[in-house]
Amino acid sequence: MHRPGPLSRSAARARRGFTLAELLVALVLFDIALAGLAASAALLQAQLGVQRLRRAARLAVDNRIERLRAEPCPQAARGSAAAAPGIREAWEVTVQPGDTRRISAR
């Protein structure tokens, strides 16, 4: 029967595993990476919400302009309305020289 000889220092260390300090450092680094990932996800979610609101506002403005253009030569007027939750639209029709109409919406 062959008995293994004494292990070298590096082989002995490899068999022991990690020290508590090494595990704590790894855990702190993992927590920092996880916190960065969570912050990125929150920022992305906020940006998506802003883009969704802008898209809805743009649609409301486009719809209002199309409704005003559909009228036979609208008179000078202005108004506002709640287009959707969180979106308030305002529009104005002005008579320009030459009897043309300018429609603006915001």
PDB file of N, CA and C in Angstrom:
ATOM      1  N   MET A   1       0.831  -1.155   0.000  1.00  0.00           N
ATOM      2  CA  MET A   1       0.000   0.000   0.000  1.00  0.00           C
ATOM      3  C   MET A   1       0.891   1.239   0.000  1.00  0.00           C
ATOM      4  N   HIS A   2       0.534   2.174  -0.883  1.00  0.00           N
ATOM      5  CA  HIS A   2       1.333   3.386  -1.039  1.00  0.00           C
ATOM      6  C   HIS A   2       0.668   4.524  -0.293  1.00  0.00           C
ATOM      7  N   ARG A   3       1.432   5.103   0.557  1.00  0.00           N
ATOM      8  CA  ARG A   3       0.916   6.210   1.349  1.00  0.00           C
ATOM      9  C   ARG A   3       1.369   7.529   0.730  1.00  0.00           C
ATOM     10  N   PRO A   4       0.432   8.477   0.479  1.00  0.00           N
ATOM     11  CA  PRO A   4       0.860   9.733  -0.124  1.00  0.00           C
ATOM     12  C   PRO A   4       1.773  10.486   0.828  1.00  0.00           C
ATOM     13  N   GLY A   5       2.732  11.186   0.215  1.00  0.00           N
ATOM     14  CA  GLY A   5       3.672  11.970   1.002  1.00  0.00           C
ATOM     15  C   GLY A   5       3.051  13.294   1.430  1.00  0.00           C
ATOM     16  N   PRO A   6       3.808  14.080   2.143  1.00  0.00           N
ATOM     17  CA  PRO A   6       3.287  15.372   2.578  1.00  0.00           C
ATOM     18  C   PRO A   6       2.974  16.262   1.378  1.00  0.00           C
ATOM     19  N   LEU A   7       1.899  17.020   1.495  1.00  0.00           N
ATOM     20  CA  LEU A   7       1.469  17.914   0.413  1.00  0.00           C
ATOM     21  C   LEU A   7       2.317  19.173   0.407  1.00  0.00           C
ATOM     22  N   SER A   8       2.536  19.684  -0.778  1.00  0.00           N
ATOM     23  CA  SER A   8       3.225  20.973  -0.864  1.00  0.00           C
ATOM     24  C   SER A   8       2.308  22.052  -0.296  1.00  0.00           C
ATOM     25  N   ARG A   9       2.858  23.206  -0.052  1.00  0.00           N
ATOM     26  CA  ARG A   9       2.096  24.284   0.560  1.00  0.00           C
ATOM     27  C   ARG A   9       0.917  24.705  -0.327  1.00  0.00           C
ATOM     28  N   SER A  10       1.126  24.847  -1.658  1.00  0.00           N
ATOM     29  CA  SER A  10       0.045  25.258  -2.553  1.00  0.00           C
ATOM     30  C   SER A  10      -1.021  24.171  -2.668  1.00  0.00           C
ATOM     31  N   ALA A  11      -0.607  22.912  -2.659  1.00  0.00           N
ATOM     32  CA  ALA A  11      -1.587  21.831  -2.726  1.00  0.00           C
ATOM     33  C   ALA A  11      -2.400  21.763  -1.445  1.00  0.00           C
ATOM     34  N   ALA A  12      -1.756  22.001  -0.320  1.00  0.00           N
ATOM     35  CA  ALA A  12      -2.479  21.996   0.952  1.00  0.00           C
ATOM     36  C   ALA A  12      -3.493  23.132   0.989  1.00  0.00           C
ATOM     37  N   ARG A  13      -3.087  24.291   0.489  1.00  0.00           N
ATOM     38  CA  ARG A  13      -3.997  25.447   0.464  1.00  0.00           C
ATOM     39  C   ARG A  13      -5.183  25.171  -0.450  1.00  0.00           C
ATOM     40  N   ALA A  14      -4.944  24.543  -1.580  1.00  0.00           N
ATOM     41  CA  ALA A  14      -6.020  24.239  -2.517  1.00  0.00           C
ATOM     42  C   ALA A  14      -7.030  23.286  -1.896  1.00  0.00           C
ATOM     43  N   ARG A  15      -6.587  22.410  -1.044  1.00  0.00           N
ATOM     44  CA  ARG A  15      -7.512  21.464  -0.417  1.00  0.00           C
ATOM     45  C   ARG A  15      -8.311  22.108   0.705  1.00  0.00           C
ATOM     46  N   ARG A  16      -7.760  23.133   1.333  1.00  0.00           N
ATOM     47  CA  ARG A  16      -8.449  23.781   2.454  1.00  0.00           C
ATOM     48  C   ARG A  16      -9.640  24.603   1.995  1.00  0.00           C
ATOM     49  N   GLY A  17      -9.594  25.236   0.835  1.00  0.00           N
ATOM     50  CA  GLY A  17     -10.678  26.085   0.364  1.00  0.00           C
ATOM     51  C   GLY A  17     -10.333  27.547   0.544  1.00  0.00           C
ATOM     52  N   PHE A  18     -11.349  28.379   0.684  1.00  0.00           N
ATOM     53  CA  PHE A  18     -11.160  29.822   0.784  1.00  0.00           C
ATOM     54  C   PHE A  18     -11.170  30.261   2.237  1.00  0.00           C
ATOM     55  N   THR A  19     -10.485  31.352   2.493  1.00  0.00           N
ATOM     56  CA  THR A  19     -10.515  31.919   3.844  1.00  0.00           C
ATOM     57  C   THR A  19     -11.756  32.775   3.988  1.00  0.00           C
ATOM     58  N   LEU A  20     -12.091  33.097   5.209  1.00  0.00           N
ATOM     59  CA  LEU A  20     -13.254  33.932   5.473  1.00  0.00           C
ATOM     60  C   LEU A  20     -13.078  35.309   4.845  1.00  0.00           C
ATOM     61  N   ALA A  21     -11.888  35.868   4.899  1.00  0.00           N
ATOM     62  CA  ALA A  21     -11.636  37.185   4.304  1.00  0.00           C
ATOM     63  C   ALA A  21     -11.854  37.154   2.796  1.00  0.00           C
ATOM     64  N   GLU A  22     -11.406  36.102   2.139  1.00  0.00           N
ATOM     65  CA  GLU A  22     -11.607  35.986   0.687  1.00  0.00           C
ATOM     66  C   GLU A  22     -13.089  35.882   0.346  1.00  0.00           C
ATOM     67  N   LEU A  23     -13.824  35.138   1.139  1.00  0.00           N
ATOM     68  CA  LEU A  23     -15.269  35.020   0.910  1.00  0.00           C
ATOM     69  C   LEU A  23     -15.981  36.349   1.118  1.00  0.00           C
ATOM     70  N   LEU A  24     -15.574  37.102   2.140  1.00  0.00           N
ATOM     71  CA  LEU A  24     -16.203  38.401   2.386  1.00  0.00           C
ATOM     72  C   LEU A  24     -15.911  39.386   1.260  1.00  0.00           C
ATOM     73  N   VAL A  25     -14.684  39.393   0.764  1.00  0.00           N
ATOM     74  CA  VAL A  25     -14.339  40.271  -0.361  1.00  0.00           C
ATOM     75  C   VAL A  25     -15.160  39.897  -1.588  1.00  0.00           C
ATOM     76  N   ALA A  26     -15.276  38.619  -1.876  1.00  0.00           N
ATOM     77  CA  ALA A  26     -16.068  38.167  -3.019  1.00  0.00           C
ATOM     78  C   ALA A  26     -17.533  38.563  -2.853  1.00  0.00           C
ATOM     79  N   LEU A  27     -18.053  38.450  -1.641  1.00  0.00           N
ATOM     80  CA  LEU A  27     -19.438  38.816  -1.379  1.00  0.00           C
ATOM     81  C   LEU A  27     -19.658  40.315  -1.556  1.00  0.00           C
ATOM     82  N   VAL A  28     -18.728  41.136  -1.085  1.00  0.00           N
ATOM     83  CA  VAL A  28     -18.845  42.587  -1.259  1.00  0.00           C
ATOM     84  C   VAL A  28     -18.809  42.951  -2.735  1.00  0.00           C
ATOM     85  N   LEU A  29     -17.911  42.353  -3.497  1.00  0.00           N
ATOM     86  CA  LEU A  29     -17.844  42.628  -4.937  1.00  0.00           C
ATOM     87  C   LEU A  29     -19.126  42.199  -5.646  1.00  0.00           C
ATOM     88  N   PHE A  30     -19.656  41.064  -5.255  1.00  0.00           N
ATOM     89  CA  PHE A  30     -20.917  40.600  -5.834  1.00  0.00           C
ATOM     90  C   PHE A  30     -22.056  41.559  -5.503  1.00  0.00           C
ATOM     91  N   ASP A  31     -22.115  42.057  -4.261  1.00  0.00           N
ATOM     92  CA  ASP A  31     -23.149  43.016  -3.860  1.00  0.00           C
ATOM     93  C   ASP A  31     -23.043  44.319  -4.638  1.00  0.00           C
ATOM     94  N   ILE A  32     -21.820  44.791  -4.855  1.00  0.00           N
ATOM     95  CA  ILE A  32     -21.631  46.026  -5.624  1.00  0.00           C
ATOM     96  C   ILE A  32     -22.118  45.834  -7.057  1.00  0.00           C
ATOM     97  N   ALA A  33     -21.774  44.710  -7.660  1.00  0.00           N
ATOM     98  CA  ALA A  33     -22.227  44.426  -9.024  1.00  0.00           C
ATOM     99  C   ALA A  33     -23.746  44.314  -9.085  1.00  0.00           C
ATOM    100  N   LEU A  34     -24.332  43.680  -8.095  1.00  0.00           N
ATOM    101  CA  LEU A  34     -25.788  43.529  -8.058  1.00  0.00           C
ATOM    102  C   LEU A  34     -26.480  44.876  -7.867  1.00  0.00           C
ATOM    103  N   ALA A  35     -25.924  45.739  -7.025  1.00  0.00           N
ATOM    104  CA  ALA A  35     -26.500  47.070  -6.832  1.00  0.00           C
ATOM    105  C   ALA A  35     -26.412  47.891  -8.115  1.00  0.00           C
ATOM    106  N   GLY A  36     -25.310  47.770  -8.829  1.00  0.00           N
ATOM    107  CA  GLY A  36     -25.182  48.463 -10.118  1.00  0.00           C
ATOM    108  C   GLY A  36     -26.192  47.975 -11.130  1.00  0.00           C
ATOM    109  N   LEU A  37     -26.415  46.690 -11.150  1.00  0.00           N
ATOM    110  CA  LEU A  37     -27.405  46.117 -12.057  1.00  0.00           C
ATOM    111  C   LEU A  37     -28.812  46.590 -11.705  1.00  0.00           C
ATOM    112  N   ALA A  38     -29.134  46.645 -10.429  1.00  0.00           N
ATOM    113  CA  ALA A  38     -30.462  47.119 -10.001  1.00  0.00           C
ATOM    114  C   ALA A  38     -30.648  48.593 -10.357  1.00  0.00           C
ATOM    115  N   ALA A  39     -29.607  49.397 -10.182  1.00  0.00           N
ATOM    116  CA  ALA A  39     -29.703  50.821 -10.529  1.00  0.00           C
ATOM    117  C   ALA A  39     -29.899  50.990 -12.028  1.00  0.00           C
ATOM    118  N   SER A  40     -29.217  50.196 -12.821  1.00  0.00           N
ATOM    119  CA  SER A  40     -29.376  50.268 -14.280  1.00  0.00           C
ATOM    120  C   SER A  40     -30.793  49.872 -14.687  1.00  0.00           C
ATOM    121  N   ALA A  41     -31.323  48.861 -14.064  1.00  0.00           N
ATOM    122  CA  ALA A  41     -32.683  48.423 -14.377  1.00  0.00           C
ATOM    123  C   ALA A  41     -33.702  49.497 -14.008  1.00  0.00           C
ATOM    124  N   ALA A  42     -33.501  50.160 -12.876  1.00  0.00           N
ATOM    125  CA  ALA A  42     -34.418  51.226 -12.467  1.00  0.00           C
ATOM    126  C   ALA A  42     -34.351  52.403 -13.437  1.00  0.00           C
ATOM    127  N   LEU A  43     -33.159  52.753 -13.872  1.00  0.00           N
ATOM    128  CA  LEU A  43     -32.993  53.848 -14.829  1.00  0.00           C
ATOM    129  C   LEU A  43     -33.649  53.497 -16.155  1.00  0.00           C
ATOM    130  N   LEU A  44     -33.465  52.288 -16.612  1.00  0.00           N
ATOM    131  CA  LEU A  44     -34.083  51.853 -17.860  1.00  0.00           C
ATOM    132  C   LEU A  44     -35.601  51.889 -17.763  1.00  0.00           C
ATOM    133  N   GLN A  45     -36.145  51.462 -16.649  1.00  0.00           N
ATOM    134  CA  GLN A  45     -37.599  51.485 -16.451  1.00  0.00           C
ATOM    135  C   GLN A  45     -38.128  52.913 -16.480  1.00  0.00           C
ATOM    136  N   ALA A  46     -37.411  53.846 -15.843  1.00  0.00           N
ATOM    137  CA  ALA A  46     -37.836  55.252 -15.847  1.00  0.00           C
ATOM    138  C   ALA A  46     -37.790  55.823 -17.257  1.00  0.00           C
ATOM    139  N   GLN A  47     -36.758  55.501 -18.019  1.00  0.00           N
ATOM    140  CA  GLN A  47     -36.658  55.997 -19.388  1.00  0.00           C
ATOM    141  C   GLN A  47     -37.763  55.429 -20.268  1.00  0.00           C
ATOM    142  N   LEU A  48     -38.114  54.181 -20.058  1.00  0.00           N
ATOM    143  CA  LEU A  48     -39.211  53.590 -20.823  1.00  0.00           C
ATOM    144  C   LEU A  48     -40.535  54.284 -20.510  1.00  0.00           C
ATOM    145  N   GLY A  49     -40.742  54.644 -19.244  1.00  0.00           N
ATOM    146  CA  GLY A  49     -41.958  55.363 -18.873  1.00  0.00           C
ATOM    147  C   GLY A  49     -42.038  56.728 -19.531  1.00  0.00           C
ATOM    148  N   VAL A  50     -40.921  57.435 -19.586  1.00  0.00           N
ATOM    149  CA  VAL A  50     -40.884  58.749 -20.233  1.00  0.00           C
ATOM    150  C   VAL A  50     -41.171  58.600 -21.721  1.00  0.00           C
ATOM    151  N   GLN A  51     -40.563  57.615 -22.360  1.00  0.00           N
ATOM    152  CA  GLN A  51     -40.790  57.408 -23.791  1.00  0.00           C
ATOM    153  C   GLN A  51     -42.247  57.049 -24.077  1.00  0.00           C
ATOM    154  N   ARG A  52     -42.841  56.256 -23.214  1.00  0.00           N
ATOM    155  CA  ARG A  52     -44.252  55.888 -23.383  1.00  0.00           C
ATOM    156  C   ARG A  52     -45.146  57.127 -23.284  1.00  0.00           C
ATOM    157  N   LEU A  53     -44.839  58.006 -22.320  1.00  0.00           N
ATOM    158  CA  LEU A  53     -45.613  59.233 -22.159  1.00  0.00           C
ATOM    159  C   LEU A  53     -45.425  60.161 -23.355  1.00  0.00           C
ATOM    160  N   ARG A  54     -44.194  60.281 -23.847  1.00  0.00           N
ATOM    161  CA  ARG A  54     -43.948  61.121 -25.024  1.00  0.00           C
ATOM    162  C   ARG A  54     -44.688  60.596 -26.251  1.00  0.00           C
ATOM    163  N   ARG A  55     -44.703  59.286 -26.415  1.00  0.00           N
ATOM    164  CA  ARG A  55     -45.397  58.695 -27.558  1.00  0.00           C
ATOM    165  C   ARG A  55     -46.901  58.984 -27.470  1.00  0.00           C
ATOM    166  N   ALA A  56     -47.464  58.871 -26.283  1.00  0.00           N
ATOM    167  CA  ALA A  56     -48.891  59.154 -26.108  1.00  0.00           C
ATOM    168  C   ALA A  56     -49.181  60.638 -26.357  1.00  0.00           C
ATOM    169  N   ALA A  57     -48.292  61.516 -25.908  1.00  0.00           N
ATOM    170  CA  ALA A  57     -48.477  62.957 -26.139  1.00  0.00           C
ATOM    171  C   ALA A  57     -48.393  63.271 -27.627  1.00  0.00           C
ATOM    172  N   ARG A  58     -47.445  62.659 -28.303  1.00  0.00           N
ATOM    173  CA  ARG A  58     -47.306  62.893 -29.754  1.00  0.00           C
ATOM    174  C   ARG A  58     -48.552  62.428 -30.491  1.00  0.00           C
ATOM    175  N   LEU A  59     -49.096  61.301 -30.106  1.00  0.00           N
ATOM    176  CA  LEU A  59     -50.312  60.791 -30.726  1.00  0.00           C
ATOM    177  C   LEU A  59     -51.482  61.738 -30.485  1.00  0.00           C
ATOM    178  N   ALA A  60     -51.581  62.279 -29.258  1.00  0.00           N
ATOM    179  CA  ALA A  60     -52.665  63.221 -28.950  1.00  0.00           C
ATOM    180  C   ALA A  60     -52.550  64.491 -29.800  1.00  0.00           C
ATOM    181  N   VAL A  61     -51.342  65.003 -29.961  1.00  0.00           N
ATOM    182  CA  VAL A  61     -51.136  66.208 -30.783  1.00  0.00           C
ATOM    183  C   VAL A  61     -51.484  65.910 -32.239  1.00  0.00           C
ATOM    184  N   ASP A  62     -51.013  64.793 -32.760  1.00  0.00           N
ATOM    185  CA  ASP A  62     -51.314  64.437 -34.146  1.00  0.00           C
ATOM    186  C   ASP A  62     -52.818  64.297 -34.373  1.00  0.00           C
ATOM    187  N   ASN A  63     -53.505  63.664 -33.422  1.00  0.00           N
ATOM    188  CA  ASN A  63     -54.962  63.515 -33.553  1.00  0.00           C
ATOM    189  C   ASN A  63     -55.672  64.863 -33.538  1.00  0.00           C
ATOM    190  N   ARG A  64     -55.247  65.764 -32.655  1.00  0.00           N
ATOM    191  CA  ARG A  64     -55.882  67.077 -32.573  1.00  0.00           C
ATOM    192  C   ARG A  64     -55.666  67.860 -33.868  1.00  0.00           C
ATOM    193  N   ILE A  65     -54.464  67.830 -34.387  1.00  0.00           N
ATOM    194  CA  ILE A  65     -54.186  68.562 -35.630  1.00  0.00           C
ATOM    195  C   ILE A  65     -55.016  67.989 -36.770  1.00  0.00           C
ATOM    196  N   GLU A  66     -55.132  66.682 -36.862  1.00  0.00           N
ATOM    197  CA  GLU A  66     -55.944  66.077 -37.917  1.00  0.00           C
ATOM    198  C   GLU A  66     -57.416  66.447 -37.770  1.00  0.00           C
ATOM    199  N   ARG A  67     -57.928  66.507 -36.555  1.00  0.00           N
ATOM    200  CA  ARG A  67     -59.335  66.907 -36.364  1.00  0.00           C
ATOM    201  C   ARG A  67     -59.545  68.354 -36.770  1.00  0.00           C
ATOM    202  N   LEU A  68     -58.590  69.231 -36.428  1.00  0.00           N
ATOM    203  CA  LEU A  68     -58.730  70.645 -36.813  1.00  0.00           C
ATOM    204  C   LEU A  68     -58.572  70.828 -38.318  1.00  0.00           C
ATOM    205  N   ARG A  69     -57.711  70.070 -38.949  1.00  0.00           N
ATOM    206  CA  ARG A  69     -57.546  70.157 -40.399  1.00  0.00           C
ATOM    207  C   ARG A  69     -58.766  69.636 -41.136  1.00  0.00           C
ATOM    208  N   ALA A  70     -59.477  68.699 -40.532  1.00  0.00           N
ATOM    209  CA  ALA A  70     -60.651  68.109 -41.179  1.00  0.00           C
ATOM    210  C   ALA A  70     -61.816  69.088 -41.252  1.00  0.00           C
ATOM    211  N   GLU A  71     -61.819  70.087 -40.392  1.00  0.00           N
ATOM    212  CA  GLU A  71     -62.894  71.083 -40.419  1.00  0.00           C
ATOM    213  C   GLU A  71     -62.708  71.976 -41.636  1.00  0.00           C
ATOM    214  N   PRO A  72     -63.807  72.421 -42.225  1.00  0.00           N
ATOM    215  CA  PRO A  72     -63.687  73.299 -43.389  1.00  0.00           C
ATOM    216  C   PRO A  72     -63.233  74.696 -42.944  1.00  0.00           C
ATOM    217  N   CYS A  73     -61.964  74.943 -43.057  1.00  0.00           N
ATOM    218  CA  CYS A  73     -61.355  76.234 -42.747  1.00  0.00           C
ATOM    219  C   CYS A  73     -61.756  76.718 -41.350  1.00  0.00           C
ATOM    220  N   PRO A  74     -61.174  76.148 -40.324  1.00  0.00           N
ATOM    221  CA  PRO A  74     -61.570  76.511 -38.961  1.00  0.00           C
ATOM    222  C   PRO A  74     -61.293  77.984 -38.657  1.00  0.00           C
ATOM    223  N   GLN A  75     -62.146  78.542 -37.851  1.00  0.00           N
ATOM    224  CA  GLN A  75     -61.984  79.929 -37.427  1.00  0.00           C
ATOM    225  C   GLN A  75     -60.936  79.993 -36.322  1.00  0.00           C
ATOM    226  N   ALA A  76     -60.501  81.213 -36.030  1.00  0.00           N
ATOM    227  CA  ALA A  76     -59.533  81.389 -34.950  1.00  0.00           C
ATOM    228  C   ALA A  76     -60.145  80.867 -33.655  1.00  0.00           C
ATOM    229  N   ALA A  77     -59.416  80.015 -32.996  1.00  0.00           N
ATOM    230  CA  ALA A  77     -59.918  79.415 -31.752  1.00  0.00           C
ATOM    231  C   ALA A  77     -58.739  78.874 -30.964  1.00  0.00           C
ATOM    232  N   ARG A  78     -59.012  78.586 -29.706  1.00  0.00           N
ATOM    233  CA  ARG A  78     -58.025  77.911 -28.865  1.00  0.00           C
ATOM    234  C   ARG A  78     -58.770  77.076 -27.848  1.00  0.00           C
ATOM    235  N   GLY A  79     -58.107  76.088 -27.337  1.00  0.00           N
ATOM    236  CA  GLY A  79     -58.737  75.231 -26.350  1.00  0.00           C
ATOM    237  C   GLY A  79     -57.727  74.280 -25.744  1.00  0.00           C
ATOM    238  N   SER A  80     -58.218  73.502 -24.813  1.00  0.00           N
ATOM    239  CA  SER A  80     -57.372  72.496 -24.180  1.00  0.00           C
ATOM    240  C   SER A  80     -58.260  71.365 -23.688  1.00  0.00           C
ATOM    241  N   ALA A  81     -57.647  70.239 -23.460  1.00  0.00           N
ATOM    242  CA  ALA A  81     -58.387  69.069 -22.986  1.00  0.00           C
ATOM    243  C   ALA A  81     -57.402  68.072 -22.404  1.00  0.00           C
ATOM    244  N   ALA A  82     -57.939  67.151 -21.624  1.00  0.00           N
ATOM    245  CA  ALA A  82     -57.112  66.051 -21.107  1.00  0.00           C
ATOM    246  C   ALA A  82     -57.148  64.947 -22.158  1.00  0.00           C
ATOM    247  N   ALA A  83     -56.026  64.725 -22.807  1.00  0.00           N
ATOM    248  CA  ALA A  83     -55.969  63.738 -23.888  1.00  0.00           C
ATOM    249  C   ALA A  83     -55.907  62.321 -23.344  1.00  0.00           C
ATOM    250  N   ALA A  84     -55.187  62.150 -22.269  1.00  0.00           N
ATOM    251  CA  ALA A  84     -55.011  60.838 -21.648  1.00  0.00           C
ATOM    252  C   ALA A  84     -54.549  61.087 -20.221  1.00  0.00           C
ATOM    253  N   PRO A  85     -54.554  60.091 -19.378  1.00  0.00           N
ATOM    254  CA  PRO A  85     -54.052  60.303 -18.015  1.00  0.00           C
ATOM    255  C   PRO A  85     -52.617  60.829 -18.030  1.00  0.00           C
ATOM    256  N   GLY A  86     -52.421  61.979 -17.425  1.00  0.00           N
ATOM    257  CA  GLY A  86     -51.096  62.576 -17.366  1.00  0.00           C
ATOM    258  C   GLY A  86     -50.747  63.443 -18.552  1.00  0.00           C
ATOM    259  N   ILE A  87     -51.649  63.563 -19.532  1.00  0.00           N
ATOM    260  CA  ILE A  87     -51.382  64.364 -20.727  1.00  0.00           C
ATOM    261  C   ILE A  87     -52.482  65.396 -20.897  1.00  0.00           C
ATOM    262  N   ARG A  88     -52.087  66.642 -20.943  1.00  0.00           N
ATOM    263  CA  ARG A  88     -53.026  67.741 -21.180  1.00  0.00           C
ATOM    264  C   ARG A  88     -52.618  68.393 -22.481  1.00  0.00           C
ATOM    265  N   GLU A  89     -53.528  68.463 -23.434  1.00  0.00           N
ATOM    266  CA  GLU A  89     -53.216  69.066 -24.721  1.00  0.00           C
ATOM    267  C   GLU A  89     -53.792  70.475 -24.801  1.00  0.00           C
ATOM    268  N   ALA A  90     -53.130  71.311 -25.552  1.00  0.00           N
ATOM    269  CA  ALA A  90     -53.613  72.675 -25.805  1.00  0.00           C
ATOM    270  C   ALA A  90     -53.388  72.962 -27.279  1.00  0.00           C
ATOM    271  N   TRP A  91     -54.317  73.653 -27.894  1.00  0.00           N
ATOM    272  CA  TRP A  91     -54.184  73.962 -29.315  1.00  0.00           C
ATOM    273  C   TRP A  91     -54.665  75.384 -29.574  1.00  0.00           C
ATOM    274  N   GLU A  92     -54.252  75.888 -30.734  1.00  0.00           N
ATOM    275  CA  GLU A  92     -54.635  77.249 -31.125  1.00  0.00           C
ATOM    276  C   GLU A  92     -54.664  77.319 -32.641  1.00  0.00           C
ATOM    277  N   VAL A  93     -55.724  77.910 -33.159  1.00  0.00           N
ATOM    278  CA  VAL A  93     -55.845  78.173 -34.592  1.00  0.00           C
ATOM    279  C   VAL A  93     -55.822  79.674 -34.748  1.00  0.00           C
ATOM    280  N   THR A  94     -54.897  80.197 -35.541  1.00  0.00           N
ATOM    281  CA  THR A  94     -54.810  81.641 -35.784  1.00  0.00           C
ATOM    282  C   THR A  94     -54.963  81.893 -37.279  1.00  0.00           C
ATOM    283  N   VAL A  95     -55.545  83.042 -37.597  1.00  0.00           N
ATOM    284  CA  VAL A  95     -55.715  83.444 -38.992  1.00  0.00           C
ATOM    285  C   VAL A  95     -54.497  84.270 -39.381  1.00  0.00           C
ATOM    286  N   GLN A  96     -53.808  83.831 -40.423  1.00  0.00           N
ATOM    287  CA  GLN A  96     -52.603  84.494 -40.915  1.00  0.00           C
ATOM    288  C   GLN A  96     -52.969  85.405 -42.086  1.00  0.00           C
ATOM    289  N   PRO A  97     -52.091  86.311 -42.452  1.00  0.00           N
ATOM    290  CA  PRO A  97     -52.345  87.144 -43.642  1.00  0.00           C
ATOM    291  C   PRO A  97     -52.560  86.251 -44.868  1.00  0.00           C
ATOM    292  N   GLY A  98     -53.436  86.666 -45.714  1.00  0.00           N
ATOM    293  CA  GLY A  98     -53.767  85.870 -46.893  1.00  0.00           C
ATOM    294  C   GLY A  98     -54.854  84.852 -46.583  1.00  0.00           C
ATOM    295  N   ASP A  99     -55.500  84.993 -45.435  1.00  0.00           N
ATOM    296  CA  ASP A  99     -56.599  84.119 -45.025  1.00  0.00           C
ATOM    297  C   ASP A  99     -56.164  82.650 -44.881  1.00  0.00           C
ATOM    298  N   THR A 100     -54.924  82.438 -44.483  1.00  0.00           N
ATOM    299  CA  THR A 100     -54.477  81.071 -44.183  1.00  0.00           C
ATOM    300  C   THR A 100     -54.595  80.835 -42.688  1.00  0.00           C
ATOM    301  N   ARG A 101     -54.679  79.601 -42.319  1.00  0.00           N
ATOM    302  CA  ARG A 101     -54.835  79.222 -40.924  1.00  0.00           C
ATOM    303  C   ARG A 101     -53.545  78.561 -40.428  1.00  0.00           C
ATOM    304  N   ARG A 102     -53.152  78.922 -39.240  1.00  0.00           N
ATOM    305  CA  ARG A 102     -51.995  78.274 -38.596  1.00  0.00           C
ATOM    306  C   ARG A 102     -52.521  77.476 -37.417  1.00  0.00           C
ATOM    307  N   ILE A 103     -52.210  76.211 -37.379  1.00  0.00           N
ATOM    308  CA  ILE A 103     -52.650  75.338 -36.289  1.00  0.00           C
ATOM    309  C   ILE A 103     -51.415  74.949 -35.475  1.00  0.00           C
ATOM    310  N   SER A 104     -51.459  75.226 -34.193  1.00  0.00           N
ATOM    311  CA  SER A 104     -50.363  74.796 -33.326  1.00  0.00           C
ATOM    312  C   SER A 104     -50.949  74.028 -32.156  1.00  0.00           C
ATOM    313  N   ALA A 105     -50.225  73.012 -31.744  1.00  0.00           N
ATOM    314  CA  ALA A 105     -50.676  72.182 -30.635  1.00  0.00           C
ATOM    315  C   ALA A 105     -49.477  71.863 -29.769  1.00  0.00           C
ATOM    316  N   ARG A 106     -49.731  71.759 -28.465  1.00  0.00           N
ATOM    317  CA  ARG A 106     -48.677  71.378 -27.526  1.00  0.00           C
ATOM    318  C   ARG A 106     -49.271  70.579 -26.404  1.00  0.00           C
TER     319      ARG A 106
END
